[in-house]
N, C-alpha and C. Protein backbone atom coordinates (compact mmCIF):
# COMPACT_ATOMS: atom_id res chain seq x y z
N MET A 1 89.78 -42.92 -22.19
CA MET A 1 90.00 -40.99 -22.08
C MET A 1 88.42 -41.20 -21.97
N SER A 2 88.27 -39.56 -20.96
CA SER A 2 86.32 -39.47 -21.49
C SER A 2 86.10 -38.37 -22.59
N LEU A 3 85.34 -38.35 -23.23
CA LEU A 3 84.81 -37.95 -24.39
C LEU A 3 84.40 -36.33 -23.91
N LYS A 4 84.79 -35.75 -24.74
CA LYS A 4 84.26 -34.18 -24.81
C LYS A 4 83.10 -34.05 -25.74
N THR A 5 81.91 -33.93 -24.32
CA THR A 5 80.18 -33.39 -25.12
C THR A 5 80.45 -32.34 -25.89
N PRO A 6 79.82 -32.75 -27.17
CA PRO A 6 79.95 -32.00 -27.97
C PRO A 6 79.01 -30.70 -28.18
N THR A 7 79.73 -29.58 -28.62
CA THR A 7 79.01 -28.24 -28.29
C THR A 7 79.25 -27.33 -29.79
N PRO A 8 78.29 -26.16 -30.23
CA PRO A 8 78.88 -25.50 -31.11
C PRO A 8 80.11 -24.95 -31.56
N GLU A 9 80.19 -24.73 -29.71
CA GLU A 9 81.81 -24.10 -30.10
C GLU A 9 83.17 -25.22 -30.55
N LEU A 10 82.82 -26.42 -29.98
CA LEU A 10 83.84 -27.46 -29.95
C LEU A 10 83.73 -27.95 -31.44
N VAL A 11 82.68 -27.27 -31.95
CA VAL A 11 82.75 -28.21 -33.47
C VAL A 11 83.24 -26.83 -34.67
N LYS A 12 82.87 -25.28 -34.01
CA LYS A 12 83.96 -24.73 -34.78
C LYS A 12 84.86 -24.58 -34.48
N ALA A 13 85.38 -24.88 -33.74
CA ALA A 13 87.16 -25.04 -33.26
C ALA A 13 87.55 -26.46 -34.33
N ALA A 14 87.10 -27.66 -34.17
CA ALA A 14 86.81 -28.78 -34.71
C ALA A 14 87.58 -28.71 -36.64
N CYS A 15 86.64 -27.87 -36.85
CA CYS A 15 86.42 -27.28 -38.23
C CYS A 15 87.59 -27.01 -38.64
N GLN A 16 87.96 -25.47 -37.45
CA GLN A 16 88.97 -24.44 -37.77
C GLN A 16 90.62 -25.51 -38.09
N GLN A 17 90.64 -26.52 -37.55
CA GLN A 17 91.67 -26.88 -36.94
C GLN A 17 91.40 -28.33 -38.11
N PHE A 18 90.50 -28.69 -38.96
CA PHE A 18 90.60 -29.56 -39.57
C PHE A 18 91.15 -28.89 -41.30
N ASP A 19 90.29 -28.30 -40.82
CA ASP A 19 90.58 -27.29 -42.16
C ASP A 19 91.86 -26.81 -42.47
N SER A 20 92.68 -26.49 -41.66
CA SER A 20 94.15 -25.79 -41.36
C SER A 20 94.58 -26.77 -42.19
N GLU A 21 94.79 -28.23 -41.51
CA GLU A 21 95.77 -29.49 -41.47
C GLU A 21 95.53 -30.04 -42.90
N ASN A 22 94.45 -30.14 -43.32
CA ASN A 22 93.95 -30.77 -44.30
C ASN A 22 93.82 -29.96 -45.47
N ALA A 23 93.96 -28.62 -45.66
CA ALA A 23 93.22 -27.71 -47.07
C ALA A 23 93.52 -28.39 -48.50
N LEU A 24 94.95 -28.77 -48.70
CA LEU A 24 95.00 -29.56 -50.01
C LEU A 24 94.03 -30.62 -50.17
N VAL A 25 94.45 -31.21 -49.45
CA VAL A 25 93.78 -32.79 -49.77
C VAL A 25 92.19 -32.42 -50.14
N GLU A 26 91.39 -31.42 -48.71
CA GLU A 26 90.38 -30.79 -49.39
C GLU A 26 90.05 -30.32 -50.54
N GLN A 27 91.37 -29.91 -50.87
CA GLN A 27 90.85 -28.48 -52.45
C GLN A 27 90.75 -29.42 -53.21
N THR A 28 91.68 -30.24 -53.74
CA THR A 28 91.89 -31.38 -54.24
C THR A 28 91.20 -32.38 -54.62
N LEU A 29 90.27 -33.00 -53.45
CA LEU A 29 89.38 -33.76 -53.65
C LEU A 29 88.16 -32.86 -54.22
N THR A 30 87.73 -31.52 -53.56
CA THR A 30 86.80 -30.54 -54.23
C THR A 30 86.63 -30.73 -55.38
N GLU A 31 87.96 -30.53 -56.00
CA GLU A 31 88.04 -29.82 -57.67
C GLU A 31 87.77 -31.36 -58.49
N LEU A 32 88.58 -32.38 -58.07
CA LEU A 32 88.29 -33.71 -58.74
C LEU A 32 86.92 -33.90 -58.88
N PHE A 33 85.87 -33.91 -57.78
CA PHE A 33 84.94 -34.36 -58.12
C PHE A 33 83.86 -33.26 -58.87
N HIS A 34 84.45 -32.46 -58.50
CA HIS A 34 83.75 -30.98 -59.50
C HIS A 34 84.23 -31.18 -61.01
N LEU A 35 85.20 -31.56 -61.42
CA LEU A 35 85.22 -31.92 -62.66
C LEU A 35 84.69 -33.13 -63.13
N TYR A 36 84.78 -34.37 -62.44
CA TYR A 36 84.26 -35.38 -63.07
C TYR A 36 82.91 -35.33 -61.71
N PRO A 37 81.58 -35.07 -62.39
CA PRO A 37 80.69 -35.17 -61.42
C PRO A 37 79.77 -36.73 -61.83
N THR A 38 79.76 -37.04 -62.86
CA THR A 38 79.14 -38.30 -62.94
C THR A 38 80.24 -39.59 -62.90
N ASN A 39 79.15 -41.10 -63.35
CA ASN A 39 80.37 -42.15 -62.83
C ASN A 39 80.20 -43.19 -64.39
N SER A 40 79.86 -42.58 -65.37
CA SER A 40 79.33 -43.42 -66.62
C SER A 40 80.91 -43.63 -66.88
N ASN A 41 81.69 -43.17 -67.16
CA ASN A 41 83.10 -42.75 -67.75
C ASN A 41 84.31 -43.70 -66.21
N PRO A 42 84.86 -45.70 -67.02
CA PRO A 42 85.28 -46.05 -66.07
C PRO A 42 86.23 -45.71 -65.77
N SER A 43 87.35 -45.18 -66.40
CA SER A 43 88.83 -44.26 -66.16
C SER A 43 88.70 -42.83 -65.07
N GLN A 44 87.54 -41.88 -65.09
CA GLN A 44 86.90 -40.95 -64.43
C GLN A 44 86.71 -41.24 -63.14
N VAL A 45 85.58 -42.72 -63.08
CA VAL A 45 85.78 -43.43 -62.18
C VAL A 45 86.81 -43.96 -61.11
N LEU A 46 87.46 -44.64 -61.74
CA LEU A 46 88.90 -44.80 -60.82
C LEU A 46 89.75 -43.92 -60.54
N LEU A 47 90.04 -42.97 -61.14
CA LEU A 47 90.53 -41.81 -60.98
C LEU A 47 90.01 -41.43 -59.60
N LYS A 48 88.86 -41.10 -59.59
CA LYS A 48 88.32 -40.33 -57.73
C LYS A 48 88.04 -41.92 -57.41
N VAL A 49 87.96 -42.90 -57.43
CA VAL A 49 87.75 -44.33 -56.30
C VAL A 49 90.01 -44.32 -56.38
N ALA A 50 90.89 -43.78 -56.85
CA ALA A 50 92.01 -44.16 -55.91
C ALA A 50 92.54 -42.91 -55.19
N ALA A 51 92.04 -41.64 -55.50
CA ALA A 51 91.96 -40.36 -54.70
C ALA A 51 91.15 -40.52 -53.37
N VAL A 52 90.32 -40.83 -53.12
CA VAL A 52 89.67 -41.25 -52.33
C VAL A 52 89.97 -42.14 -51.50
N ASN A 53 90.77 -43.60 -52.02
CA ASN A 53 91.44 -44.17 -51.40
C ASN A 53 92.68 -43.94 -50.48
N ALA A 54 93.41 -43.32 -51.50
CA ALA A 54 94.81 -42.88 -50.76
C ALA A 54 94.54 -41.45 -50.12
N LEU A 55 93.77 -40.33 -50.49
CA LEU A 55 93.84 -39.35 -49.82
C LEU A 55 92.70 -39.40 -48.53
N CYS A 56 92.38 -40.77 -48.04
CA CYS A 56 91.20 -40.44 -47.32
C CYS A 56 91.51 -41.48 -46.54
N HIS A 57 92.77 -42.14 -46.81
CA HIS A 57 92.87 -43.03 -45.90
C HIS A 57 91.84 -44.85 -45.75
N THR A 58 91.47 -45.27 -46.82
CA THR A 58 90.46 -45.81 -46.81
C THR A 58 90.73 -47.36 -46.49
N SER A 59 92.03 -47.82 -47.63
CA SER A 59 92.75 -49.01 -47.68
C SER A 59 92.27 -50.05 -48.19
N ILE A 60 91.62 -49.76 -49.38
CA ILE A 60 90.80 -51.11 -50.17
C ILE A 60 91.79 -51.40 -51.09
N PHE A 61 91.14 -52.26 -51.82
CA PHE A 61 91.97 -53.11 -52.43
C PHE A 61 91.10 -53.44 -53.76
N ALA A 62 91.64 -53.93 -54.53
CA ALA A 62 91.05 -53.72 -55.90
C ALA A 62 90.44 -53.12 -56.74
N LEU A 63 91.54 -51.56 -56.82
CA LEU A 63 90.84 -51.02 -57.10
C LEU A 63 90.12 -50.53 -58.31
N GLN A 64 90.60 -51.21 -59.10
CA GLN A 64 89.84 -50.86 -60.49
C GLN A 64 88.30 -51.99 -60.58
N THR A 65 88.18 -53.26 -59.63
CA THR A 65 87.04 -53.91 -59.61
C THR A 65 85.85 -53.30 -58.40
N VAL A 66 86.38 -52.22 -58.21
CA VAL A 66 85.71 -50.88 -57.66
C VAL A 66 85.49 -50.13 -58.23
N ALA A 67 86.11 -49.43 -59.20
CA ALA A 67 85.46 -48.47 -60.05
C ALA A 67 84.74 -49.05 -61.13
N GLU A 68 85.16 -50.59 -61.69
CA GLU A 68 84.37 -51.08 -62.59
C GLU A 68 82.62 -51.27 -61.85
N HIS A 69 82.76 -51.74 -60.59
CA HIS A 69 81.12 -51.60 -60.07
C HIS A 69 80.56 -50.80 -60.07
N ILE A 70 81.36 -49.18 -59.45
CA ILE A 70 80.25 -48.26 -59.88
C ILE A 70 79.96 -47.74 -60.83
N SER A 71 81.03 -47.75 -62.12
CA SER A 71 80.68 -46.95 -63.37
C SER A 71 79.35 -47.92 -64.03
N ALA A 72 79.72 -49.52 -63.77
CA ALA A 72 78.37 -50.71 -64.48
C ALA A 72 77.15 -50.20 -63.30
N ASN A 73 77.02 -49.38 -62.46
CA ASN A 73 75.95 -49.14 -62.23
C ASN A 73 75.50 -47.67 -62.27
N HIS A 74 76.28 -46.86 -63.08
CA HIS A 74 76.13 -45.71 -62.82
C HIS A 74 74.79 -44.75 -63.03
N VAL A 75 73.84 -45.55 -63.82
CA VAL A 75 72.80 -45.13 -64.35
C VAL A 75 71.76 -44.60 -62.77
N GLU A 76 71.84 -46.14 -61.79
CA GLU A 76 71.25 -45.75 -60.17
C GLU A 76 71.87 -44.92 -59.96
N VAL A 77 73.40 -44.90 -59.83
CA VAL A 77 74.36 -44.56 -58.77
C VAL A 77 74.23 -43.04 -58.89
N ASP A 78 74.29 -42.99 -59.98
CA ASP A 78 74.83 -41.23 -60.39
C ASP A 78 73.10 -40.70 -59.91
N ALA A 79 72.05 -40.85 -60.10
CA ALA A 79 70.53 -40.79 -59.75
C ALA A 79 70.68 -40.63 -57.98
N ALA A 80 71.22 -41.74 -57.61
CA ALA A 80 70.52 -41.82 -56.02
C ALA A 80 71.90 -40.51 -55.31
N LEU A 81 72.55 -40.57 -55.96
CA LEU A 81 73.61 -39.62 -55.57
C LEU A 81 73.01 -37.96 -55.63
N VAL A 82 72.52 -37.84 -56.52
CA VAL A 82 72.11 -36.53 -56.61
C VAL A 82 70.79 -36.33 -55.87
N ALA A 83 69.80 -37.60 -55.40
CA ALA A 83 68.65 -36.93 -54.73
C ALA A 83 68.96 -37.21 -52.93
N GLY A 84 70.25 -37.82 -52.90
CA GLY A 84 70.42 -38.30 -51.77
C GLY A 84 69.79 -39.33 -51.07
N THR A 85 70.01 -40.40 -51.93
CA THR A 85 69.60 -41.50 -51.49
C THR A 85 70.47 -42.36 -50.72
N PRO A 86 69.77 -43.13 -48.94
CA PRO A 86 71.12 -43.31 -48.17
C PRO A 86 71.44 -44.87 -48.75
N GLU A 87 70.45 -45.56 -49.16
CA GLU A 87 70.90 -46.58 -49.48
C GLU A 87 71.71 -47.11 -50.90
N ILE A 88 72.16 -45.63 -51.33
CA ILE A 88 72.91 -46.19 -52.80
C ILE A 88 74.61 -46.77 -51.89
N VAL A 89 74.36 -45.70 -51.05
CA VAL A 89 75.99 -45.93 -49.63
C VAL A 89 76.36 -47.46 -49.95
N ASP A 90 75.25 -48.43 -49.16
CA ASP A 90 75.36 -49.48 -49.51
C ASP A 90 75.12 -50.45 -50.78
N THR A 91 74.71 -50.25 -51.46
CA THR A 91 75.34 -50.85 -52.99
C THR A 91 76.59 -50.47 -53.64
N ILE A 92 76.91 -49.40 -53.55
CA ILE A 92 78.42 -49.09 -53.63
C ILE A 92 79.02 -49.78 -53.06
N ALA A 93 79.07 -50.30 -51.55
CA ALA A 93 79.98 -50.89 -50.72
C ALA A 93 79.98 -52.48 -51.31
N ARG A 94 78.76 -53.05 -51.20
CA ARG A 94 78.81 -54.52 -51.10
C ARG A 94 79.55 -54.70 -52.53
N ILE A 95 80.96 -55.23 -52.38
CA ILE A 95 81.31 -55.46 -53.92
C ILE A 95 81.75 -57.07 -53.81
N LYS A 96 81.46 -57.74 -55.17
CA LYS A 96 82.50 -59.03 -54.94
C LYS A 96 83.44 -59.38 -55.93
N VAL A 97 84.28 -59.32 -55.04
CA VAL A 97 86.33 -59.70 -55.70
C VAL A 97 86.33 -61.21 -55.94
N LYS A 98 86.92 -62.41 -56.88
CA LYS A 98 86.93 -63.30 -56.29
C LYS A 98 86.36 -63.95 -56.19
N GLY A 99 84.79 -63.98 -56.10
CA GLY A 99 83.71 -64.77 -55.90
C GLY A 99 83.65 -64.22 -54.02
N LYS A 100 84.17 -63.37 -53.49
CA LYS A 100 84.00 -62.69 -52.27
C LYS A 100 82.96 -61.83 -51.88
N LEU A 101 81.55 -61.57 -51.16
CA LEU A 101 81.25 -60.29 -51.22
C LEU A 101 82.26 -59.51 -50.05
N PHE A 102 82.66 -58.38 -50.15
CA PHE A 102 82.95 -57.67 -49.38
C PHE A 102 82.81 -56.32 -48.90
N ASN A 103 82.40 -55.91 -48.03
CA ASN A 103 81.52 -54.41 -47.72
C ASN A 103 82.75 -53.47 -47.09
N PHE A 104 83.04 -52.37 -48.17
CA PHE A 104 84.10 -51.21 -48.29
C PHE A 104 82.97 -49.95 -47.83
N PHE A 105 82.78 -50.24 -46.64
CA PHE A 105 81.79 -49.23 -46.04
C PHE A 105 82.57 -48.10 -46.18
N SER A 106 83.52 -47.80 -45.23
CA SER A 106 83.80 -46.39 -45.12
C SER A 106 84.15 -46.11 -46.51
N PHE A 107 85.09 -46.26 -47.91
CA PHE A 107 85.23 -46.16 -48.69
C PHE A 107 83.81 -45.72 -49.52
N ALA A 108 83.05 -46.53 -49.04
CA ALA A 108 81.81 -45.95 -50.07
C ALA A 108 80.85 -44.82 -49.76
N SER A 109 80.87 -44.96 -47.87
CA SER A 109 80.13 -43.63 -47.69
C SER A 109 81.19 -41.98 -47.95
N LYS A 110 82.27 -42.28 -47.83
CA LYS A 110 83.60 -41.14 -48.26
C LYS A 110 83.60 -40.79 -49.83
N TYR A 111 83.39 -41.71 -50.51
CA TYR A 111 82.31 -41.62 -52.10
C TYR A 111 81.55 -40.52 -52.39
N ALA A 112 80.50 -41.20 -51.35
CA ALA A 112 79.18 -41.03 -51.56
C ALA A 112 79.33 -38.99 -50.97
N SER A 113 79.88 -39.21 -49.78
CA SER A 113 80.14 -37.54 -49.73
C SER A 113 80.71 -36.36 -50.09
N TRP A 114 81.23 -36.78 -51.56
CA TRP A 114 82.53 -36.38 -52.45
C TRP A 114 81.79 -35.88 -53.28
N HIS A 115 80.76 -36.59 -53.73
CA HIS A 115 79.22 -35.87 -54.26
C HIS A 115 78.53 -35.40 -53.82
N ASN A 116 77.93 -35.82 -52.85
CA ASN A 116 76.95 -34.91 -52.31
C ASN A 116 77.23 -34.38 -50.72
N PRO A 117 78.32 -33.97 -50.06
CA PRO A 117 78.59 -33.51 -49.03
C PRO A 117 77.16 -32.99 -48.09
N THR A 118 76.09 -32.69 -48.54
CA THR A 118 75.23 -32.17 -47.33
C THR A 118 74.15 -33.23 -47.20
N ALA A 119 74.39 -34.41 -48.19
CA ALA A 119 73.71 -35.48 -47.54
C ALA A 119 73.93 -37.03 -46.79
N TYR A 120 75.62 -37.23 -46.96
CA TYR A 120 75.88 -38.40 -46.70
C TYR A 120 77.08 -38.03 -45.68
N PRO A 121 76.83 -38.18 -44.41
CA PRO A 121 78.22 -38.29 -43.74
C PRO A 121 78.89 -39.15 -43.77
N ILE A 122 79.90 -38.81 -43.50
CA ILE A 122 81.02 -40.10 -43.63
C ILE A 122 81.29 -40.99 -42.26
N TYR A 123 81.41 -42.30 -42.18
CA TYR A 123 81.55 -43.32 -41.78
C TYR A 123 83.50 -43.80 -41.75
N ASP A 124 83.87 -44.27 -40.72
CA ASP A 124 85.41 -44.60 -40.18
C ASP A 124 85.53 -44.56 -39.01
N SER A 125 86.84 -45.43 -38.64
CA SER A 125 86.60 -45.60 -37.19
C SER A 125 86.62 -45.20 -36.70
N HIS A 126 87.17 -43.31 -36.53
CA HIS A 126 87.11 -42.55 -35.66
C HIS A 126 85.29 -42.06 -35.26
N VAL A 127 84.87 -42.46 -36.06
CA VAL A 127 83.10 -41.79 -35.97
C VAL A 127 82.85 -42.92 -35.39
N ASP A 128 83.09 -43.76 -35.52
CA ASP A 128 81.97 -45.19 -34.79
C ASP A 128 82.55 -45.09 -33.70
N ALA A 129 84.48 -45.16 -33.14
CA ALA A 129 84.77 -45.11 -31.83
C ALA A 129 83.81 -43.78 -30.71
N TYR A 130 84.07 -43.24 -31.42
CA TYR A 130 83.13 -41.20 -30.65
C TYR A 130 81.42 -41.79 -30.54
N LEU A 131 80.80 -41.88 -31.57
CA LEU A 131 79.00 -42.34 -31.71
C LEU A 131 78.84 -43.58 -30.20
N TRP A 132 79.55 -44.64 -30.46
CA TRP A 132 79.11 -46.21 -29.91
C TRP A 132 79.71 -45.36 -28.47
N LYS A 133 80.90 -44.78 -28.12
CA LYS A 133 81.13 -44.46 -26.62
C LYS A 133 80.36 -43.23 -26.19
N LEU A 134 79.91 -42.85 -26.70
CA LEU A 134 78.93 -41.62 -26.64
C LEU A 134 78.00 -42.02 -26.08
N GLN A 135 77.05 -42.77 -27.35
CA GLN A 135 75.62 -43.44 -26.78
C GLN A 135 75.91 -43.82 -25.44
N LYS A 136 76.58 -44.59 -25.64
CA LYS A 136 76.50 -45.40 -24.06
C LYS A 136 76.91 -44.42 -22.38
N GLU A 137 77.07 -43.42 -23.08
CA GLU A 137 77.51 -42.73 -21.84
C GLU A 137 76.36 -41.21 -21.39
N ASP A 138 75.60 -40.94 -22.66
CA ASP A 138 74.23 -40.17 -22.80
C ASP A 138 72.53 -40.55 -23.52
N HIS A 139 73.93 -41.88 -23.76
CA HIS A 139 72.35 -42.28 -25.36
C HIS A 139 71.00 -41.02 -25.82
N PHE A 140 72.37 -40.95 -26.53
CA PHE A 140 71.16 -39.89 -27.82
C PHE A 140 70.35 -40.08 -28.09
N ALA A 141 70.54 -41.58 -29.17
CA ALA A 141 69.25 -42.27 -29.70
C ALA A 141 69.22 -43.80 -29.59
N SER A 142 68.53 -44.33 -30.73
CA SER A 142 68.00 -45.63 -29.57
C SER A 142 69.03 -46.56 -30.77
N PHE A 143 70.08 -47.07 -30.38
CA PHE A 143 70.45 -48.05 -31.82
C PHE A 143 71.38 -49.05 -30.51
N LEU A 144 71.77 -49.68 -31.53
CA LEU A 144 72.82 -51.11 -31.05
C LEU A 144 74.12 -50.24 -32.05
N HIS A 145 74.98 -51.31 -31.81
CA HIS A 145 76.44 -51.16 -32.18
C HIS A 145 76.49 -51.07 -34.36
N PRO A 146 75.87 -52.58 -34.36
CA PRO A 146 75.99 -53.54 -35.45
C PRO A 146 75.18 -51.85 -36.53
N ASP A 147 74.29 -51.08 -35.74
CA ASP A 147 73.38 -50.62 -36.47
C ASP A 147 73.88 -49.21 -37.68
N LEU A 148 75.73 -48.93 -36.97
CA LEU A 148 76.21 -47.92 -37.59
C LEU A 148 77.13 -48.41 -38.54
N TRP A 149 76.90 -50.09 -39.08
CA TRP A 149 77.33 -50.07 -40.56
C TRP A 149 76.11 -51.24 -41.69
N THR A 150 75.20 -50.28 -41.06
CA THR A 150 73.79 -49.78 -42.58
C THR A 150 73.69 -48.53 -42.87
N TYR A 151 74.16 -48.16 -43.91
CA TYR A 151 74.05 -46.63 -43.94
C TYR A 151 72.58 -46.02 -43.72
N PRO A 152 71.29 -46.17 -44.36
CA PRO A 152 70.40 -45.64 -43.61
C PRO A 152 70.22 -45.45 -42.08
N LYS A 153 70.30 -46.35 -41.62
CA LYS A 153 70.41 -46.25 -39.74
C LYS A 153 71.32 -45.39 -39.60
N PHE A 154 72.78 -45.44 -40.11
CA PHE A 154 73.97 -44.56 -40.24
C PHE A 154 73.42 -43.19 -39.98
N LEU A 155 72.89 -43.06 -41.03
CA LEU A 155 72.42 -41.66 -41.39
C LEU A 155 71.59 -41.01 -40.35
N LYS A 156 70.34 -42.07 -39.87
CA LYS A 156 69.13 -41.56 -39.07
C LYS A 156 69.82 -41.40 -37.81
N ILE A 157 71.23 -42.12 -37.18
CA ILE A 157 71.96 -41.74 -35.79
C ILE A 157 72.73 -40.79 -36.30
N MET A 158 73.41 -40.39 -37.35
CA MET A 158 73.80 -39.09 -37.12
C MET A 158 72.75 -38.02 -37.38
N THR A 159 72.09 -38.22 -38.00
CA THR A 159 70.50 -37.11 -37.54
C THR A 159 70.43 -36.72 -36.17
N ASP A 160 70.38 -38.00 -35.77
CA ASP A 160 69.90 -37.81 -33.88
C ASP A 160 70.58 -37.20 -33.34
N PHE A 161 72.38 -37.46 -33.88
CA PHE A 161 73.66 -36.88 -32.60
C PHE A 161 73.00 -35.38 -32.66
N ARG A 162 72.92 -35.18 -34.24
CA ARG A 162 72.94 -33.55 -34.41
C ARG A 162 72.07 -33.16 -34.25
N SER A 163 70.52 -33.30 -34.15
CA SER A 163 69.87 -32.89 -33.05
C SER A 163 69.77 -32.76 -31.58
N PHE A 164 70.01 -33.69 -31.08
CA PHE A 164 70.34 -34.33 -29.77
C PHE A 164 71.26 -33.22 -29.14
N HIS A 165 72.12 -32.64 -29.79
CA HIS A 165 73.22 -31.64 -29.23
C HIS A 165 73.50 -30.30 -29.64
N GLY A 166 72.26 -30.20 -29.97
CA GLY A 166 71.59 -28.83 -30.84
C GLY A 166 72.79 -28.25 -31.56
N LEU A 167 73.06 -29.03 -32.79
CA LEU A 167 74.29 -28.63 -33.95
C LEU A 167 73.76 -28.42 -35.32
N LYS A 168 72.40 -28.17 -35.18
CA LYS A 168 71.72 -28.34 -36.84
C LYS A 168 72.08 -27.08 -37.87
N ALA A 169 72.36 -25.99 -36.93
CA ALA A 169 73.35 -25.51 -37.69
C ALA A 169 74.40 -25.70 -38.56
N PHE A 170 74.91 -26.78 -38.08
CA PHE A 170 76.64 -27.59 -38.86
C PHE A 170 75.47 -28.52 -39.79
N SER A 171 76.73 -28.46 -40.99
CA SER A 171 76.42 -29.41 -42.08
C SER A 171 76.76 -30.70 -41.12
N PHE A 172 76.63 -31.87 -42.39
CA PHE A 172 77.13 -33.67 -41.95
C PHE A 172 79.13 -33.43 -41.95
N GLN A 173 79.25 -32.29 -43.11
CA GLN A 173 81.04 -32.60 -43.42
C GLN A 173 81.30 -31.88 -41.98
N ASP A 174 80.87 -30.78 -41.58
CA ASP A 174 81.51 -30.30 -40.59
C ASP A 174 81.33 -30.89 -39.20
N ILE A 175 80.16 -31.80 -38.78
CA ILE A 175 80.46 -32.76 -37.82
C ILE A 175 81.02 -34.23 -38.29
N ASP A 176 81.22 -34.28 -39.53
CA ASP A 176 82.54 -35.50 -39.65
C ASP A 176 83.97 -35.09 -39.38
N LYS A 177 84.30 -33.61 -39.27
CA LYS A 177 85.34 -32.84 -39.24
C LYS A 177 85.47 -32.99 -37.21
N PHE A 178 84.42 -33.01 -36.47
CA PHE A 178 84.34 -32.96 -35.28
C PHE A 178 84.99 -34.62 -35.03
N LEU A 179 83.66 -35.36 -35.62
CA LEU A 179 84.03 -36.67 -35.11
C LEU A 179 85.74 -37.26 -35.44
N TYR A 180 85.73 -36.79 -36.77
CA TYR A 180 87.02 -37.40 -37.23
C TYR A 180 88.10 -37.38 -36.29
N LEU A 181 88.62 -36.06 -35.36
CA LEU A 181 89.40 -35.38 -34.67
C LEU A 181 88.75 -35.84 -33.31
N GLU A 182 87.94 -35.66 -32.67
CA GLU A 182 87.36 -36.45 -31.42
C GLU A 182 87.42 -37.74 -30.84
N GLY A 183 87.26 -38.49 -32.56
CA GLY A 183 87.18 -40.16 -32.24
C GLY A 183 88.67 -40.51 -32.23
N ALA A 184 89.77 -39.79 -32.94
CA ALA A 184 90.98 -40.17 -32.99
C ALA A 184 91.51 -40.70 -32.44
N PRO A 185 91.47 -40.46 -30.92
CA PRO A 185 91.94 -41.41 -29.15
C PRO A 185 91.25 -42.37 -29.07
N HIS A 186 90.05 -42.42 -29.54
CA HIS A 186 89.31 -44.06 -28.77
C HIS A 186 89.00 -45.53 -30.37
N ALA A 187 89.23 -44.28 -31.04
CA ALA A 187 89.60 -45.50 -32.22
C ALA A 187 90.39 -46.81 -32.00
N PRO A 188 89.84 -48.06 -32.24
CA PRO A 188 90.82 -49.20 -31.87
C PRO A 188 92.26 -48.95 -32.52
N LEU A 189 93.58 -49.99 -32.88
CA LEU A 189 94.38 -49.75 -33.53
C LEU A 189 94.54 -51.34 -34.55
N GLN A 190 93.93 -51.99 -33.54
CA GLN A 190 94.27 -53.59 -33.66
C GLN A 190 93.22 -54.63 -34.04
N ALA A 191 93.29 -55.19 -34.91
CA ALA A 191 92.15 -56.05 -35.57
C ALA A 191 91.21 -57.05 -34.71
N GLN A 192 91.96 -56.90 -33.01
CA GLN A 192 91.71 -57.72 -32.38
C GLN A 192 90.62 -56.76 -31.44
N ASP A 193 90.84 -55.41 -31.73
CA ASP A 193 90.21 -54.75 -30.89
C ASP A 193 88.89 -54.61 -31.65
N GLN A 194 88.42 -54.65 -32.76
CA GLN A 194 87.28 -54.34 -33.72
C GLN A 194 86.39 -54.61 -33.19
N PRO A 195 85.02 -54.05 -33.33
CA PRO A 195 84.06 -54.85 -32.64
C PRO A 195 83.41 -55.39 -34.10
N ALA A 196 82.86 -56.59 -33.56
CA ALA A 196 82.36 -57.77 -34.81
C ALA A 196 81.41 -57.12 -35.91
N GLY A 197 81.32 -57.87 -36.87
CA GLY A 197 81.14 -57.06 -38.02
C GLY A 197 81.85 -57.71 -39.43
N PRO A 198 80.91 -58.30 -40.09
CA PRO A 198 81.51 -58.53 -41.73
C PRO A 198 82.07 -57.18 -41.86
N GLY A 199 83.19 -57.11 -42.65
CA GLY A 199 83.16 -55.82 -43.47
C GLY A 199 83.22 -54.58 -43.06
N ALA A 200 83.05 -54.52 -41.65
CA ALA A 200 83.07 -52.74 -41.04
C ALA A 200 83.49 -51.95 -40.97
N PHE A 201 84.75 -52.78 -41.18
CA PHE A 201 86.16 -51.81 -41.44
C PHE A 201 87.06 -52.10 -42.76
N ASP A 202 86.98 -50.82 -43.09
CA ASP A 202 87.86 -51.29 -44.75
C ASP A 202 89.16 -51.78 -44.30
N TYR A 203 89.82 -51.04 -43.47
CA TYR A 203 91.15 -51.79 -43.65
C TYR A 203 91.67 -53.20 -42.95
N TYR A 204 90.77 -53.89 -42.98
CA TYR A 204 90.71 -54.95 -42.62
C TYR A 204 89.43 -55.49 -43.34
N PRO A 205 90.25 -55.83 -45.12
CA PRO A 205 88.93 -56.32 -46.01
C PRO A 205 88.63 -58.03 -45.94
N ALA A 206 89.86 -58.64 -45.50
CA ALA A 206 89.79 -60.10 -45.33
C ALA A 206 88.20 -60.72 -44.84
N GLU A 207 87.68 -60.22 -44.14
CA GLU A 207 86.10 -60.26 -43.65
C GLU A 207 85.39 -61.00 -44.79
N GLU A 208 84.95 -61.82 -44.31
CA GLU A 208 83.89 -62.42 -46.40
C GLU A 208 82.04 -62.41 -45.27
N ILE A 209 81.48 -61.29 -45.93
CA ILE A 209 79.75 -61.43 -45.81
C ILE A 209 79.70 -62.05 -47.01
N GLN A 210 78.15 -62.65 -46.23
CA GLN A 210 77.53 -63.70 -47.35
C GLN A 210 76.81 -63.28 -48.25
N ALA A 211 76.93 -63.81 -49.23
CA ALA A 211 75.66 -62.84 -49.96
C ALA A 211 74.62 -63.42 -49.64
């Protein structure tokens, strides 16, 4: 299945479609993160973690461990999210559960994005599938597939994508909606179809990464 080359008209249409289909989810998460903008209170963090996991379909496990990890590092996390520091996504994503280190990368990008949507584009399997296929077709930036799984590199790739295709008028949130819809038909459905990369996809959390 061929890709649609991104244009301002296609992004606008995707935003309209996404918003019409997901208005209640968007409103719910916007209100929740506005109500609890910081991460010092573990119960509030758990509410946000559970909401993102359920409504954004990240399918992570050990929600309490994830919430405790974020709240325990709340000083660093809150300062970085306000500043838009990209490295904090990897800090949130990498969590030890029962002695194993996991990388909840898609979840962490979505959690950061709901705190500061102008600074943090979202990663998920739809975005990955679209960007990597487009890269092979028109080489809009210089990167390898595993670069999508390290957040500062992913942020640069998204910035290059927006610039290359004349989409600077659109926010990352707008472009996320386009990539989510256009990447859906190209996203792999089965574990064996996933590109190699430890913990890159949250819905296969059994992958262990080395500390």
